Amino acid sequence: MTQAAINVAYLAASACFIVGLKLLSSVRTARAGNLVGAVGMLVAVAATLLDRRVVDWPPVVAGLVAGSLAGTLLAVRTPMTGMPQMVGLLNGFGGAASALVASAELLRAVEGRALPGAPVAVAIAASLLVGWITLTGSLVAFAKLQEFLPGRPLPLPFQKTVNALLALAGLGLAAWLAARPDASAAFWGLSAVALVLGVTLVNPIGGADMPVVISLLNSYSGLAACATGFALGNSALIVTGALVGASGFILTRVMCRAMNRSLANVMFAAVGTGGGTAAAAAAGRQARAFGAEDVALAFDAARRVVVVPGYGMAVAQAQHVVKELADLLAKKNIDVRYAVHPVAGRMPGHMNVLLAEAGVPYDQLLELDDANALLPETDVALVVGANDITNPAARTDRSSPIYGMPILDVDRARCVVFCKRSLGSGFAGVDNPLFFNPATMMFLGDAKESLKSLVAELKK
């Protein structure tokens, strides 16, 4: 295959990636966007394998088979509730792949006594630094989301000082490696510092900020791939990495704005102590718990219902029961909408994916501003495991770590039915005064089982 043909194939693949990203911007076209992006990746991989520089086919084929099997197993066996963890893990794999390829390119050049020029050496150093940070940072994020590690921040003593020193050491070693590519101490030192820095950067971040961390690590994996593309002189890898890096960073900014916080605050403020108990009850206030029969009466008298899904719905895998409840209410001529907060769940778009899986029509989904305009005219707001994004303390309590974060104003509905396992605080570790609102009906228990009992009562 000629170099011109390969370049044309890379151009076609890049076009597929750009179109796929555009399609991913809408829930209606997201599935098609995934398919277009996959086709683009297939074209890019095929063109690379047909490149004359690929001469050792057996290990390439073995890698393709092993990777395809692993990817298929992950996709088939991972439940929808595990998507954030899988995305975090794949980010780490991407960073590791970039760092390993850059390492192999450097070692090949050193062994052949044909040291790379300054631009290539800089690209290799950047790939190693960012790639290894992405790997270990993603593994820590995965462990927090999977609850192998506590979801609360786990800072070290003098955490910011340690991170600053590690970052300076990493940059210094990267500069040394770029100037002296044959310096093995610089290579191994840079790799070790980057691996440690990934852990120390993510470990102090609380679970409430994991959606932002996942987006940022996705951006890092793209930047590492882009740097590796420069090291290899591969235009497809450069374009793909740049697209992933830019889109990941844009998404990170969107997520930060959705929480009304800066990226620096997310990275260093350690919000999210993880699921404590509600201190407000100890202060003399009592939440009112209701059974399925009482909650059914509230829905029977409603004319408009807004459902607010959260991570509790994902954990209980209750999205199909939520859809069944909405269909039943629609038969009673009750208008049902869904209010989706940008940072609901533990990764961007988490709730949209779950609701789409359950077959919820796209036109019933409301974004934050539209939902807040409708909630004062809503009879019942059904909150399914969404704690922090409905916490009115974000509007009123200046001492709260979530103060200023845009929330869904469910407390302005005539009645709030809060479906939750317990009165514990949310992932940000902040008590929710909404539990003790006179208009709130706490519907405690597993979301799936509780909603099943509600559906049974409404059918009566």
Foldseek 3Di string as FASTA:
>chain_A
DDPVVLVVLLVQLLVLLVVLVVLCVDLVRNVVSVVSNVVSVVSNVVSVCPPPVNDDPPVVVVVVVVVVVVVVCCVVVQDLLCVLLVLLQVLLVLLQVLLVLLVVLLVVCVVVVNHDALLLLLLSLLSLLLSLLLNLLSVLLSCCSVVVDPQFADADVVLVVVLVVLVVQLVVLSVVCSVPVNPVCSVVSNNVSSNVNSCSQNRRAGQLLLQLSSLQSQLSSLSSQLSSCSNVVNPSSVSRSVVRNVVSVVLSVVVCVLLVHDPCCRRPVRFFRFWDFACVVVVVFDFAADALLVVLVLLLPWQEEEEEEASLCSVLVQLLLVVVVCVLSVVVNHHYAYEYRQSGRRHGCSVVVSNVVNVDDPVRYDYQVRQLVCLLVGSEYEYRQGAPQAACCLDPPPPDPSNVNHHRPNVNHQAYEYEEAHQIHDRRRDHGCSSRDPRYHYHHDRRNVRSVSNSVSNVD
